[in-house]
Amino acid sequence: MSGDHDHSSDDVHHDTVLSRQVRAFETLLADRGVVSSVEIDSLLEVIERATPANGSHIAARAWLDGSFAERLLADANTAITELGLTMGEGPDVRRLRVVANTPQVHNVLVCTLCSCYPVSLLGPSPTWYKSEAYRSRIVREPVQVLAEFGLTLPAGTEIVVWDSSALTRYMVLPQRPPDSDDATEQELASLVTRNGLIGTAAL
């Protein structure tokens, strides 16, 4: 088609320009003493490791190991260290609370004030999670909002909305998918979605 165009060169140019801008900004912050280059590198390492695969790994292990699931629900911050994961270090560490879905109870996450979210376990938050519409409506009309995500729960299911804060982050432990009895931990982890860990989807 005459309108077809190879964007690969444009993408490379955009990435190069963006990389230069990021480096310039990092240099400016370091030169002005806002943060040190070591602190910047440390933060970037945390961001690079932040992915929904971390939360998926946690869920899969909890489904296979009942004792780990108990520890996770009792003290998530400590339990996730068994998998080499963390919510951070020092005075800025956030409390993590994992809440489990059951046939009777479905959990969903929100931050009504801003967009607090367990980035290290779920990766960068989706745009809709930060939107005012989601933040206000999921509390008032969770059934309708979940239906808009394509999730219709059985009649009588209790929906519990957990409001994240500056000090506490939440993650949903979804119900194990049906017909997964013979799945390995890696196979189970591949079934877990970010929306499932937020509570706007079932697996």
Protein backbone atom coordinates (compact mmCIF):
# COMPACT_ATOMS: atom_id res chain seq x y z
CA MET A 1 0.00 0.00 0.00
CA SER A 2 1.14 3.52 -0.73
CA GLY A 3 0.59 4.52 2.90
CA ASP A 4 2.89 1.81 4.27
CA HIS A 5 6.03 3.15 5.91
CA ASP A 6 8.90 1.54 7.75
CA HIS A 7 9.01 3.20 11.15
CA SER A 8 12.17 1.40 12.29
CA SER A 9 14.47 4.35 11.53
CA ASP A 10 12.04 6.74 13.23
CA ASP A 11 11.96 4.51 16.31
CA VAL A 12 15.77 4.42 16.52
CA HIS A 13 15.93 8.20 16.21
CA HIS A 14 13.25 8.63 18.90
CA ASP A 15 15.07 6.24 21.26
CA THR A 16 18.37 8.07 20.70
CA VAL A 17 16.84 11.47 21.41
CA LEU A 18 15.06 10.13 24.49
CA SER A 19 18.25 8.51 25.80
CA ARG A 20 20.12 11.81 25.43
CA GLN A 21 17.36 13.67 27.27
CA VAL A 22 17.36 11.15 30.11
CA ARG A 23 21.16 11.32 30.44
CA ALA A 24 21.04 15.13 30.44
CA PHE A 25 18.37 15.09 33.16
CA GLU A 26 20.36 12.61 35.27
CA THR A 27 23.46 14.83 34.96
CA LEU A 28 21.46 17.91 35.94
CA LEU A 29 20.05 16.21 39.06
CA ALA A 30 23.49 14.99 40.10
CA ASP A 31 25.19 18.36 39.42
CA ARG A 32 22.63 20.19 41.53
CA GLY A 33 22.98 17.74 44.39
CA VAL A 34 19.37 16.57 44.24
CA VAL A 35 20.48 12.95 44.02
CA SER A 36 23.82 11.28 43.49
CA SER A 37 24.69 9.26 40.42
CA VAL A 38 24.87 6.20 42.68
CA GLU A 39 21.31 6.82 43.87
CA ILE A 40 20.14 7.26 40.27
CA ASP A 41 21.78 3.98 39.23
CA SER A 42 20.21 2.20 42.20
CA LEU A 43 16.76 3.52 41.33
CA LEU A 44 17.15 2.51 37.68
CA GLU A 45 18.14 -1.01 38.73
CA VAL A 46 14.94 -1.28 40.79
CA ILE A 47 12.85 -0.05 37.86
CA GLU A 48 14.51 -2.49 35.46
CA ARG A 49 13.66 -5.40 37.78
CA ALA A 50 10.04 -4.25 38.20
CA THR A 51 7.79 -6.54 36.16
CA PRO A 52 4.47 -8.37 36.56
CA ALA A 53 6.50 -11.59 36.30
CA ASN A 54 7.50 -11.02 39.93
CA GLY A 55 3.88 -11.06 41.10
CA SER A 56 3.15 -14.04 38.85
CA HIS A 57 6.01 -15.94 40.47
CA ILE A 58 4.63 -15.20 43.93
CA ALA A 59 1.14 -16.41 42.98
CA ALA A 60 2.40 -19.61 41.39
CA ARG A 61 4.53 -20.47 44.41
CA ALA A 62 1.60 -19.81 46.76
CA TRP A 63 -0.65 -22.15 44.77
CA LEU A 64 1.91 -24.96 44.94
CA ASP A 65 3.19 -24.43 48.48
CA GLY A 66 0.50 -24.08 51.13
CA SER A 67 2.96 -23.12 53.88
CA PHE A 68 4.40 -20.36 51.69
CA ALA A 69 0.85 -19.13 51.03
CA GLU A 70 0.23 -18.94 54.78
CA ARG A 71 3.42 -16.97 55.33
CA LEU A 72 2.58 -14.71 52.39
CA LEU A 73 -0.85 -13.82 53.75
CA ALA A 74 0.52 -13.33 57.28
CA ASP A 75 3.65 -11.29 56.45
CA ALA A 76 4.11 -10.65 52.75
CA ASN A 77 7.19 -8.47 53.11
CA THR A 78 9.11 -11.31 54.73
CA ALA A 79 7.65 -14.08 52.57
CA ILE A 80 8.61 -12.55 49.23
CA THR A 81 12.26 -12.40 50.29
CA GLU A 82 12.21 -16.21 50.01
CA LEU A 83 11.87 -15.64 46.26
CA GLY A 84 14.57 -12.98 46.13
CA LEU A 85 12.02 -10.15 45.95
CA THR A 86 11.62 -7.06 48.09
CA MET A 87 9.45 -4.00 48.55
CA GLY A 88 12.52 -1.83 49.02
CA GLU A 89 15.10 -1.06 51.65
CA GLY A 90 15.65 1.43 54.43
CA PRO A 91 13.13 3.95 55.77
CA ASP A 92 11.16 4.10 52.51
CA VAL A 93 10.14 0.42 52.51
CA ARG A 94 6.41 -0.08 51.98
CA ARG A 95 4.28 -2.65 53.77
CA LEU A 96 2.92 -5.27 51.39
CA ARG A 97 -0.34 -7.01 52.12
CA VAL A 98 -1.45 -9.89 49.90
CA VAL A 99 -5.18 -10.63 49.87
CA ALA A 100 -6.50 -13.94 48.54
CA ASN A 101 -9.51 -14.41 46.31
CA THR A 102 -11.87 -17.26 47.22
CA PRO A 103 -15.09 -18.57 45.70
CA GLN A 104 -16.95 -16.29 48.12
CA VAL A 105 -14.73 -13.16 48.10
CA HIS A 106 -13.17 -11.21 45.25
CA ASN A 107 -10.55 -8.56 46.00
CA VAL A 108 -9.70 -5.56 43.84
CA LEU A 109 -7.10 -2.82 44.32
CA VAL A 110 -7.21 0.94 44.00
CA CYS A 111 -5.51 4.05 45.29
CA THR A 112 -8.25 6.62 45.70
CA LEU A 113 -5.90 9.52 46.46
CA CYS A 114 -3.25 9.08 43.76
CA SER A 115 -1.73 5.93 42.27
CA CYS A 116 0.07 4.00 45.02
CA TYR A 117 0.87 0.57 43.65
CA PRO A 118 3.42 -2.25 44.18
CA VAL A 119 5.61 -1.38 41.19
CA SER A 120 8.42 -3.75 42.16
CA LEU A 121 6.01 -6.71 41.93
CA LEU A 122 3.59 -5.68 39.18
CA GLY A 123 5.67 -3.40 36.99
CA PRO A 124 4.59 0.14 36.05
CA SER A 125 0.93 0.77 36.81
CA PRO A 126 -1.51 0.81 33.88
CA THR A 127 -2.90 4.15 32.75
CA TRP A 128 -6.44 3.25 33.77
CA TYR A 129 -5.32 2.50 37.35
CA LYS A 130 -4.21 6.12 37.71
CA SER A 131 -7.33 7.60 36.10
CA GLU A 132 -9.81 9.55 38.20
CA ALA A 133 -12.67 7.55 36.71
CA TYR A 134 -11.31 4.22 37.98
CA ARG A 135 -10.20 5.60 41.34
CA SER A 136 -13.64 7.02 42.10
CA ARG A 137 -15.93 4.45 40.49
CA ILE A 138 -14.36 1.17 41.66
CA VAL A 139 -15.25 2.10 45.24
CA ARG A 140 -18.81 3.19 44.48
CA GLU A 141 -19.82 0.71 41.79
CA PRO A 142 -17.34 -2.19 41.70
CA VAL A 143 -19.72 -4.60 39.97
CA GLN A 144 -20.21 -2.26 37.02
CA VAL A 145 -16.52 -1.38 36.75
CA LEU A 146 -15.42 -5.02 36.83
CA ALA A 147 -18.02 -5.83 34.18
CA GLU A 148 -16.44 -3.16 31.97
CA PHE A 149 -13.17 -5.10 32.31
CA GLY A 150 -15.05 -8.20 31.16
CA LEU A 151 -15.27 -9.73 34.63
CA THR A 152 -18.71 -10.85 35.77
CA LEU A 153 -18.65 -12.54 39.15
CA PRO A 154 -21.16 -15.15 40.37
CA ALA A 155 -24.16 -13.77 42.19
CA GLY A 156 -23.53 -13.37 45.89
CA THR A 157 -19.77 -12.87 45.58
CA GLU A 158 -18.52 -10.29 48.08
CA ILE A 159 -16.29 -7.66 46.48
CA VAL A 160 -13.68 -6.12 48.79
CA VAL A 161 -11.91 -2.98 47.55
CA TRP A 162 -8.47 -2.36 49.08
CA ASP A 163 -7.27 1.24 49.09
CA SER A 164 -3.49 1.53 48.82
CA SER A 165 -1.66 4.28 50.64
CA ALA A 166 1.76 5.86 50.95
CA LEU A 167 2.66 3.25 53.57
CA THR A 168 0.82 0.12 52.41
CA ARG A 169 0.64 -1.61 49.04
CA TYR A 170 -1.63 -4.53 48.14
CA MET A 171 -1.50 -7.45 45.74
CA VAL A 172 -4.29 -9.89 44.96
CA LEU A 173 -3.60 -13.62 45.10
CA PRO A 174 -6.02 -14.88 42.42
CA GLN A 175 -7.76 -18.21 42.63
CA ARG A 176 -5.78 -20.94 40.95
CA PRO A 177 -7.03 -21.48 37.38
CA PRO A 178 -9.16 -24.58 36.89
CA ASP A 179 -7.66 -27.63 35.19
CA SER A 180 -4.12 -26.65 36.26
CA ASP A 181 -3.45 -29.51 38.69
CA ASP A 182 -0.56 -30.90 36.63
CA ALA A 183 1.01 -27.54 35.75
CA THR A 184 4.56 -26.71 36.82
CA GLU A 185 5.37 -23.55 38.73
CA GLN A 186 6.61 -21.89 35.55
CA GLU A 187 3.47 -22.92 33.67
CA LEU A 188 1.27 -21.59 36.46
CA ALA A 189 3.16 -18.29 36.52
CA SER A 190 2.53 -17.88 32.78
CA LEU A 191 -1.22 -17.98 33.47
CA VAL A 192 -1.11 -15.02 35.85
CA THR A 193 -1.87 -11.59 34.43
CA ARG A 194 -1.21 -8.15 35.89
CA ASN A 195 -4.96 -7.46 35.93
CA GLY A 196 -5.44 -10.69 37.84
CA LEU A 197 -3.00 -9.45 40.48
CA ILE A 198 -4.90 -6.15 40.68
CA GLY A 199 -8.27 -7.90 40.78
CA THR A 200 -9.83 -6.60 37.57
CA ALA A 201 -9.61 -10.03 35.91
CA ALA A 202 -10.00 -13.67 36.81
CA LEU A 203 -7.64 -16.37 35.57
